């Protein structure tokens, strides 16, 4: 095992998910890639020429997410694991799978908030979709919503 992809969702559970990936990376001498897939730019008409405050707010959010990822990467580096933190935009599951294939990842570590059937029917679950893809081994870290 050489590469572990850790999917971050900015929920507050990211550190817990990373903490589950760390001992595996240490045991195998694997590299960690911390990845957050941010939502793509809105498709609605006028976003690029729309109000500046909308673009500024989006840019501030992306900068904040990037700082969070880099802080987690620095934490894992300090524990002796080579780590790269990245933020990319796109459809979540498709982008995670594409990034995992590009590494190539030997394992994907992802958190699961344990939402019920009603939530999954309308919103979906990244961990469920990754598992259904069947393309990579997946470690799902359960994260209760009150811990996120």
N, C-alpha and C. Protein backbone atom coordinates (compact mmCIF):
# COMPACT_ATOMS: atom_id res chain seq x y z
N UNK A 1 0.86 -1.18 0.00
CA UNK A 1 0.00 0.00 0.00
C UNK A 1 0.90 1.23 0.00
N UNK A 2 0.73 2.04 -1.05
CA UNK A 2 1.61 3.20 -1.20
C UNK A 2 0.89 4.53 -1.06
N UNK A 3 -0.40 4.55 -1.39
CA UNK A 3 -1.12 5.83 -1.39
C UNK A 3 -2.51 5.66 -0.79
N UNK A 4 -2.83 6.54 0.16
CA UNK A 4 -4.15 6.54 0.78
C UNK A 4 -4.78 7.90 0.52
N UNK A 5 -5.97 7.89 -0.05
CA UNK A 5 -6.73 9.11 -0.30
C UNK A 5 -7.73 9.30 0.83
N UNK A 6 -7.66 10.43 1.50
CA UNK A 6 -8.59 10.74 2.58
C UNK A 6 -9.53 11.84 2.10
N UNK A 7 -10.81 11.51 2.02
CA UNK A 7 -11.82 12.46 1.56
C UNK A 7 -12.28 13.32 2.74
N UNK A 8 -12.16 14.62 2.59
CA UNK A 8 -12.56 15.56 3.63
C UNK A 8 -13.85 16.25 3.22
N UNK A 9 -14.73 16.50 4.20
CA UNK A 9 -16.00 17.15 3.84
C UNK A 9 -16.26 18.46 4.56
N UNK A 10 -15.27 18.94 5.31
CA UNK A 10 -15.38 20.22 6.02
C UNK A 10 -16.49 20.23 7.06
N UNK A 11 -16.84 19.06 7.58
CA UNK A 11 -17.93 18.98 8.53
C UNK A 11 -17.50 19.14 9.98
N UNK A 12 -16.23 19.14 10.22
CA UNK A 12 -15.74 19.15 11.60
C UNK A 12 -15.29 17.76 12.01
N UNK A 13 -15.60 16.76 11.20
CA UNK A 13 -15.18 15.38 11.48
C UNK A 13 -13.90 15.02 10.75
N UNK A 14 -13.36 15.96 9.99
CA UNK A 14 -12.19 15.68 9.17
C UNK A 14 -11.01 15.16 9.98
N UNK A 15 -10.74 15.77 11.13
CA UNK A 15 -9.59 15.32 11.92
C UNK A 15 -9.77 13.88 12.37
N UNK A 16 -10.98 13.51 12.74
CA UNK A 16 -11.24 12.13 13.15
C UNK A 16 -10.99 11.16 12.00
N UNK A 17 -11.41 11.52 10.81
CA UNK A 17 -11.21 10.67 9.63
C UNK A 17 -9.71 10.54 9.35
N UNK A 18 -8.98 11.65 9.42
CA UNK A 18 -7.54 11.62 9.20
C UNK A 18 -6.85 10.76 10.26
N UNK A 19 -7.32 10.85 11.50
CA UNK A 19 -6.73 10.05 12.59
C UNK A 19 -6.90 8.55 12.36
N UNK A 20 -7.93 8.16 11.64
CA UNK A 20 -8.10 6.74 11.30
C UNK A 20 -7.16 6.32 10.17
N UNK A 21 -6.83 7.24 9.29
CA UNK A 21 -5.93 6.92 8.18
C UNK A 21 -4.46 6.90 8.60
N UNK A 22 -4.10 7.69 9.61
CA UNK A 22 -2.70 7.82 10.02
C UNK A 22 -2.03 6.50 10.39
N UNK A 23 -2.60 5.69 11.27
CA UNK A 23 -1.90 4.45 11.63
C UNK A 23 -1.73 3.49 10.46
N UNK A 24 -2.66 3.53 9.54
CA UNK A 24 -2.55 2.67 8.35
C UNK A 24 -1.38 3.16 7.48
N UNK A 25 -1.32 4.47 7.29
CA UNK A 25 -0.23 5.05 6.50
C UNK A 25 1.12 4.76 7.16
N UNK A 26 1.19 4.89 8.47
CA UNK A 26 2.45 4.62 9.18
C UNK A 26 2.84 3.15 9.04
N UNK A 27 1.88 2.26 9.19
CA UNK A 27 2.17 0.83 9.14
C UNK A 27 2.70 0.40 7.78
N UNK A 28 2.21 1.02 6.72
CA UNK A 28 2.60 0.63 5.36
C UNK A 28 3.63 1.57 4.74
N UNK A 29 3.97 2.65 5.45
CA UNK A 29 4.86 3.64 4.86
C UNK A 29 4.22 4.33 3.67
N UNK A 30 2.90 4.48 3.73
CA UNK A 30 2.14 5.06 2.62
C UNK A 30 2.08 6.58 2.71
N UNK A 31 1.85 7.20 1.58
CA UNK A 31 1.62 8.65 1.51
C UNK A 31 0.13 8.90 1.69
N UNK A 32 -0.20 10.01 2.32
CA UNK A 32 -1.59 10.43 2.44
C UNK A 32 -1.85 11.57 1.47
N UNK A 33 -2.99 11.52 0.82
CA UNK A 33 -3.49 12.64 0.04
C UNK A 33 -4.81 13.06 0.66
N UNK A 34 -4.83 14.24 1.25
CA UNK A 34 -6.06 14.78 1.84
C UNK A 34 -6.74 15.58 0.75
N UNK A 35 -7.99 15.25 0.49
CA UNK A 35 -8.68 15.87 -0.63
C UNK A 35 -10.08 16.32 -0.22
N UNK A 36 -10.36 17.57 -0.51
CA UNK A 36 -11.73 18.07 -0.38
C UNK A 36 -12.22 18.45 -1.76
N UNK A 37 -13.38 17.95 -2.11
CA UNK A 37 -13.99 18.31 -3.39
C UNK A 37 -15.05 19.37 -3.10
N UNK A 38 -14.74 20.59 -3.49
CA UNK A 38 -15.67 21.70 -3.31
C UNK A 38 -16.69 21.68 -4.44
N UNK A 39 -17.84 22.21 -4.17
CA UNK A 39 -18.89 22.27 -5.19
C UNK A 39 -18.40 23.07 -6.39
N UNK A 40 -18.80 22.65 -7.58
CA UNK A 40 -18.40 23.42 -8.76
C UNK A 40 -19.05 24.79 -8.73
N UNK A 41 -18.52 25.68 -9.54
CA UNK A 41 -19.10 27.03 -9.63
C UNK A 41 -20.56 26.91 -10.06
N UNK A 42 -21.42 27.78 -9.53
CA UNK A 42 -22.83 27.70 -9.91
C UNK A 42 -23.03 27.86 -11.41
N UNK A 43 -23.99 27.13 -11.94
CA UNK A 43 -24.28 27.20 -13.38
C UNK A 43 -25.31 28.27 -13.71
N UNK A 44 -25.87 28.93 -12.69
CA UNK A 44 -26.93 29.88 -13.00
C UNK A 44 -26.38 31.05 -13.80
N UNK A 45 -27.23 31.60 -14.62
CA UNK A 45 -26.85 32.68 -15.53
C UNK A 45 -26.39 33.89 -14.72
N UNK A 46 -25.29 34.45 -15.13
CA UNK A 46 -24.83 35.68 -14.52
C UNK A 46 -23.84 35.52 -13.40
N UNK A 47 -23.44 34.27 -13.03
CA UNK A 47 -22.51 34.14 -11.92
C UNK A 47 -21.21 34.86 -12.20
N UNK A 48 -20.67 34.68 -13.39
CA UNK A 48 -19.38 35.29 -13.69
C UNK A 48 -19.45 36.80 -13.81
N UNK A 49 -20.61 37.31 -14.15
CA UNK A 49 -20.74 38.77 -14.25
C UNK A 49 -21.67 39.31 -13.18
N UNK A 50 -22.08 38.43 -12.27
CA UNK A 50 -23.01 38.81 -11.21
C UNK A 50 -22.35 39.67 -10.15
N UNK A 51 -23.04 39.83 -9.04
CA UNK A 51 -22.54 40.71 -7.97
C UNK A 51 -21.17 40.27 -7.46
N UNK A 52 -20.30 41.23 -7.27
CA UNK A 52 -18.95 40.95 -6.79
C UNK A 52 -18.98 40.27 -5.43
N UNK A 53 -19.92 40.64 -4.55
CA UNK A 53 -19.94 40.07 -3.21
C UNK A 53 -20.19 38.56 -3.24
N UNK A 54 -20.90 38.07 -4.26
CA UNK A 54 -21.12 36.63 -4.38
C UNK A 54 -19.80 35.94 -4.71
N UNK A 55 -19.07 36.47 -5.65
CA UNK A 55 -17.77 35.89 -6.02
C UNK A 55 -16.78 36.01 -4.86
N UNK A 56 -16.81 37.15 -4.16
CA UNK A 56 -15.91 37.34 -3.02
C UNK A 56 -16.20 36.34 -1.90
N UNK A 57 -17.48 36.13 -1.63
CA UNK A 57 -17.87 35.18 -0.59
C UNK A 57 -17.40 33.77 -0.95
N UNK A 58 -17.58 33.38 -2.20
CA UNK A 58 -17.16 32.05 -2.65
C UNK A 58 -15.65 31.90 -2.55
N UNK A 59 -14.91 32.93 -2.95
CA UNK A 59 -13.45 32.90 -2.87
C UNK A 59 -12.99 32.80 -1.41
N UNK A 60 -13.65 33.53 -0.51
CA UNK A 60 -13.30 33.45 0.91
C UNK A 60 -13.54 32.05 1.46
N UNK A 61 -14.66 31.45 1.07
CA UNK A 61 -14.96 30.08 1.53
C UNK A 61 -13.91 29.09 1.03
N UNK A 62 -13.52 29.20 -0.22
CA UNK A 62 -12.50 28.29 -0.76
C UNK A 62 -11.15 28.49 -0.08
N UNK A 63 -10.79 29.74 0.20
CA UNK A 63 -9.52 30.00 0.91
C UNK A 63 -9.55 29.40 2.31
N UNK A 64 -10.67 29.52 2.99
CA UNK A 64 -10.81 28.95 4.33
C UNK A 64 -10.70 27.42 4.29
N UNK A 65 -11.35 26.81 3.32
CA UNK A 65 -11.28 25.35 3.17
C UNK A 65 -9.84 24.93 2.87
N UNK A 66 -9.15 25.67 2.03
CA UNK A 66 -7.76 25.34 1.69
C UNK A 66 -6.87 25.43 2.93
N UNK A 67 -7.05 26.46 3.75
CA UNK A 67 -6.27 26.59 4.99
C UNK A 67 -6.52 25.40 5.91
N UNK A 68 -7.77 24.96 6.01
CA UNK A 68 -8.14 23.81 6.85
C UNK A 68 -7.41 22.56 6.38
N UNK A 69 -7.41 22.33 5.09
CA UNK A 69 -6.74 21.16 4.52
C UNK A 69 -5.25 21.22 4.79
N UNK A 70 -4.64 22.38 4.59
CA UNK A 70 -3.21 22.52 4.80
C UNK A 70 -2.84 22.34 6.27
N UNK A 71 -3.70 22.76 7.18
CA UNK A 71 -3.44 22.56 8.62
C UNK A 71 -3.46 21.07 8.95
N UNK A 72 -4.41 20.33 8.39
CA UNK A 72 -4.45 18.88 8.61
C UNK A 72 -3.23 18.20 8.00
N UNK A 73 -2.83 18.66 6.83
CA UNK A 73 -1.64 18.09 6.18
C UNK A 73 -0.40 18.35 7.03
N UNK A 74 -0.28 19.53 7.59
CA UNK A 74 0.87 19.85 8.46
C UNK A 74 0.86 18.97 9.70
N UNK A 75 -0.32 18.70 10.25
CA UNK A 75 -0.43 17.84 11.43
C UNK A 75 0.08 16.43 11.12
N UNK A 76 -0.31 15.88 9.96
CA UNK A 76 0.12 14.53 9.62
C UNK A 76 1.60 14.50 9.26
N UNK A 77 2.08 15.54 8.61
CA UNK A 77 3.51 15.64 8.31
C UNK A 77 4.32 15.62 9.61
N UNK A 78 3.83 16.35 10.62
CA UNK A 78 4.53 16.41 11.91
C UNK A 78 4.58 15.04 12.58
N UNK A 79 3.68 14.15 12.19
CA UNK A 79 3.66 12.79 12.75
C UNK A 79 4.43 11.81 11.87
N UNK A 80 5.16 12.34 10.90
CA UNK A 80 6.04 11.51 10.10
C UNK A 80 5.43 10.86 8.88
N UNK A 81 4.29 11.34 8.43
CA UNK A 81 3.64 10.77 7.25
C UNK A 81 3.67 11.81 6.13
N UNK A 82 4.24 11.43 5.01
CA UNK A 82 4.26 12.34 3.87
C UNK A 82 2.83 12.59 3.41
N UNK A 83 2.46 13.85 3.34
CA UNK A 83 1.07 14.21 3.07
C UNK A 83 0.98 15.37 2.10
N UNK A 84 0.00 15.27 1.22
CA UNK A 84 -0.32 16.34 0.30
C UNK A 84 -1.79 16.70 0.52
N UNK A 85 -2.07 17.97 0.71
CA UNK A 85 -3.45 18.43 0.85
C UNK A 85 -3.90 19.15 -0.40
N UNK A 86 -5.09 18.79 -0.88
CA UNK A 86 -5.59 19.42 -2.12
C UNK A 86 -7.06 19.76 -1.99
N UNK A 87 -7.43 20.82 -2.69
CA UNK A 87 -8.81 21.21 -2.83
C UNK A 87 -9.09 21.32 -4.33
N UNK A 88 -10.10 20.60 -4.78
CA UNK A 88 -10.49 20.67 -6.19
C UNK A 88 -12.00 20.89 -6.24
N UNK A 89 -12.47 21.36 -7.37
CA UNK A 89 -13.90 21.58 -7.54
C UNK A 89 -14.44 20.58 -8.55
N UNK A 90 -15.67 20.16 -8.31
CA UNK A 90 -16.32 19.25 -9.23
C UNK A 90 -17.41 18.45 -8.53
N UNK A 91 -18.05 17.55 -9.27
CA UNK A 91 -19.03 16.67 -8.66
C UNK A 91 -18.29 15.72 -7.70
N UNK A 92 -18.76 15.61 -6.49
CA UNK A 92 -18.01 14.96 -5.41
C UNK A 92 -17.53 13.55 -5.73
N UNK A 93 -18.44 12.64 -5.97
CA UNK A 93 -18.05 11.24 -6.13
C UNK A 93 -17.20 11.03 -7.38
N UNK A 94 -17.63 11.61 -8.49
CA UNK A 94 -16.88 11.45 -9.73
C UNK A 94 -15.46 12.01 -9.59
N UNK A 95 -15.33 13.15 -8.92
CA UNK A 95 -14.03 13.77 -8.75
C UNK A 95 -13.15 12.95 -7.81
N UNK A 96 -13.72 12.45 -6.71
CA UNK A 96 -12.96 11.59 -5.80
C UNK A 96 -12.43 10.35 -6.53
N UNK A 97 -13.29 9.73 -7.32
CA UNK A 97 -12.87 8.53 -8.05
C UNK A 97 -11.79 8.85 -9.09
N UNK A 98 -11.92 9.97 -9.76
CA UNK A 98 -10.92 10.36 -10.75
C UNK A 98 -9.58 10.65 -10.08
N UNK A 99 -9.61 11.35 -8.95
CA UNK A 99 -8.38 11.65 -8.22
C UNK A 99 -7.75 10.37 -7.68
N UNK A 100 -8.58 9.45 -7.19
CA UNK A 100 -8.07 8.18 -6.68
C UNK A 100 -7.41 7.38 -7.79
N UNK A 101 -7.98 7.40 -8.98
CA UNK A 101 -7.41 6.68 -10.11
C UNK A 101 -6.09 7.32 -10.54
N UNK A 102 -6.01 8.64 -10.48
CA UNK A 102 -4.81 9.34 -10.91
C UNK A 102 -3.63 9.10 -9.98
N UNK A 103 -3.87 8.90 -8.67
CA UNK A 103 -2.75 8.77 -7.73
C UNK A 103 -1.82 7.60 -8.07
N UNK A 104 -2.13 6.41 -8.22
CA UNK A 104 -3.37 5.70 -7.91
C UNK A 104 -3.46 5.38 -6.41
N UNK A 105 -4.68 5.46 -5.89
CA UNK A 105 -4.91 5.19 -4.46
C UNK A 105 -5.10 3.71 -4.23
N UNK A 106 -4.53 3.25 -3.14
CA UNK A 106 -4.72 1.86 -2.72
C UNK A 106 -5.88 1.74 -1.76
N UNK A 107 -6.31 2.86 -1.20
CA UNK A 107 -7.39 2.89 -0.22
C UNK A 107 -7.97 4.29 -0.20
N UNK A 108 -9.29 4.38 -0.06
CA UNK A 108 -9.96 5.67 0.16
C UNK A 108 -10.56 5.63 1.56
N UNK A 109 -10.28 6.65 2.35
CA UNK A 109 -10.84 6.77 3.70
C UNK A 109 -11.84 7.91 3.67
N UNK A 110 -13.05 7.62 4.12
CA UNK A 110 -14.12 8.62 4.06
C UNK A 110 -14.97 8.52 5.33
N UNK A 111 -15.51 9.65 5.77
CA UNK A 111 -16.39 9.65 6.92
C UNK A 111 -17.83 9.42 6.50
N UNK A 112 -18.60 8.87 7.41
CA UNK A 112 -20.03 8.69 7.18
C UNK A 112 -20.80 9.22 8.37
N UNK A 113 -21.76 10.08 8.09
CA UNK A 113 -22.51 10.71 9.16
C UNK A 113 -23.70 9.88 9.62
N UNK A 114 -23.94 8.75 8.99
CA UNK A 114 -24.98 7.84 9.43
C UNK A 114 -26.38 8.39 9.28
N UNK A 115 -26.61 9.17 8.23
CA UNK A 115 -27.96 9.68 7.99
C UNK A 115 -28.89 8.53 7.67
N UNK A 116 -30.14 8.73 7.94
CA UNK A 116 -31.13 7.69 7.71
C UNK A 116 -31.54 7.56 6.26
N UNK A 117 -32.46 6.65 6.02
CA UNK A 117 -32.93 6.33 4.68
C UNK A 117 -33.57 7.53 4.00
N UNK A 118 -34.35 8.31 4.75
CA UNK A 118 -35.03 9.47 4.18
C UNK A 118 -34.01 10.46 3.63
N UNK A 119 -32.98 10.76 4.41
CA UNK A 119 -31.93 11.68 3.99
C UNK A 119 -31.23 11.15 2.74
N UNK A 120 -30.85 9.88 2.78
CA UNK A 120 -30.12 9.28 1.66
C UNK A 120 -30.96 9.26 0.39
N UNK A 121 -32.28 9.08 0.53
CA UNK A 121 -33.14 9.04 -0.65
C UNK A 121 -33.16 10.38 -1.37
N UNK A 122 -33.09 11.47 -0.62
CA UNK A 122 -33.19 12.78 -1.24
C UNK A 122 -31.85 13.46 -1.47
N UNK A 123 -30.89 13.22 -0.61
CA UNK A 123 -29.61 13.90 -0.71
C UNK A 123 -28.52 12.95 -1.20
N UNK A 124 -28.56 11.72 -0.76
CA UNK A 124 -27.54 10.75 -1.15
C UNK A 124 -26.42 10.69 -0.13
N UNK A 125 -25.50 9.79 -0.35
CA UNK A 125 -24.39 9.60 0.56
C UNK A 125 -23.12 9.34 -0.26
N UNK A 126 -22.12 10.14 -0.01
CA UNK A 126 -20.86 9.98 -0.74
C UNK A 126 -20.27 8.61 -0.45
N UNK A 127 -20.26 8.21 0.82
CA UNK A 127 -19.67 6.91 1.15
C UNK A 127 -20.41 5.77 0.47
N UNK A 128 -21.74 5.85 0.42
CA UNK A 128 -22.52 4.81 -0.27
C UNK A 128 -22.18 4.74 -1.75
N UNK A 129 -22.08 5.90 -2.39
CA UNK A 129 -21.77 5.92 -3.82
C UNK A 129 -20.36 5.41 -4.09
N UNK A 130 -19.41 5.75 -3.22
CA UNK A 130 -18.05 5.24 -3.39
C UNK A 130 -18.03 3.72 -3.25
N UNK A 131 -18.75 3.21 -2.27
CA UNK A 131 -18.81 1.76 -2.07
C UNK A 131 -19.44 1.07 -3.28
N UNK A 132 -20.49 1.67 -3.80
CA UNK A 132 -21.17 1.07 -4.96
C UNK A 132 -20.31 1.08 -6.22
N UNK A 133 -19.37 2.01 -6.29
CA UNK A 133 -18.52 2.08 -7.49
C UNK A 133 -17.67 0.82 -7.61
N UNK A 134 -17.28 0.24 -6.47
CA UNK A 134 -16.51 -0.99 -6.47
C UNK A 134 -15.12 -0.87 -7.06
N UNK A 135 -14.62 0.32 -7.23
CA UNK A 135 -13.33 0.51 -7.91
C UNK A 135 -12.14 0.54 -6.96
N UNK A 136 -12.37 0.87 -5.69
CA UNK A 136 -11.29 0.99 -4.72
C UNK A 136 -11.72 0.43 -3.38
N UNK A 137 -10.77 -0.08 -2.60
CA UNK A 137 -11.11 -0.42 -1.21
C UNK A 137 -11.46 0.88 -0.47
N UNK A 138 -12.48 0.79 0.35
CA UNK A 138 -12.98 1.97 1.06
C UNK A 138 -13.00 1.67 2.55
N UNK A 139 -12.47 2.58 3.36
CA UNK A 139 -12.61 2.52 4.80
C UNK A 139 -13.59 3.62 5.18
N UNK A 140 -14.73 3.24 5.74
CA UNK A 140 -15.74 4.21 6.13
C UNK A 140 -15.65 4.42 7.64
N UNK A 141 -15.40 5.65 8.05
CA UNK A 141 -15.28 6.01 9.45
C UNK A 141 -16.61 6.58 9.91
N UNK A 142 -17.30 5.89 10.83
CA UNK A 142 -18.58 6.44 11.29
C UNK A 142 -18.37 7.70 12.13
N UNK A 143 -19.13 8.72 11.83
CA UNK A 143 -19.04 9.99 12.53
C UNK A 143 -20.45 10.43 12.84
N UNK A 144 -20.79 10.42 14.13
CA UNK A 144 -22.12 10.87 14.53
C UNK A 144 -22.22 12.37 14.28
N UNK A 145 -23.42 12.85 13.92
CA UNK A 145 -23.60 14.27 13.62
C UNK A 145 -23.26 15.15 14.80
N UNK A 146 -23.43 14.66 16.03
CA UNK A 146 -23.09 15.49 17.18
C UNK A 146 -21.58 15.59 17.41
N UNK A 147 -20.79 14.77 16.68
CA UNK A 147 -19.34 14.84 16.78
C UNK A 147 -18.76 15.70 15.67
N UNK A 148 -19.55 16.01 14.66
CA UNK A 148 -19.06 16.76 13.51
C UNK A 148 -19.12 18.24 13.75
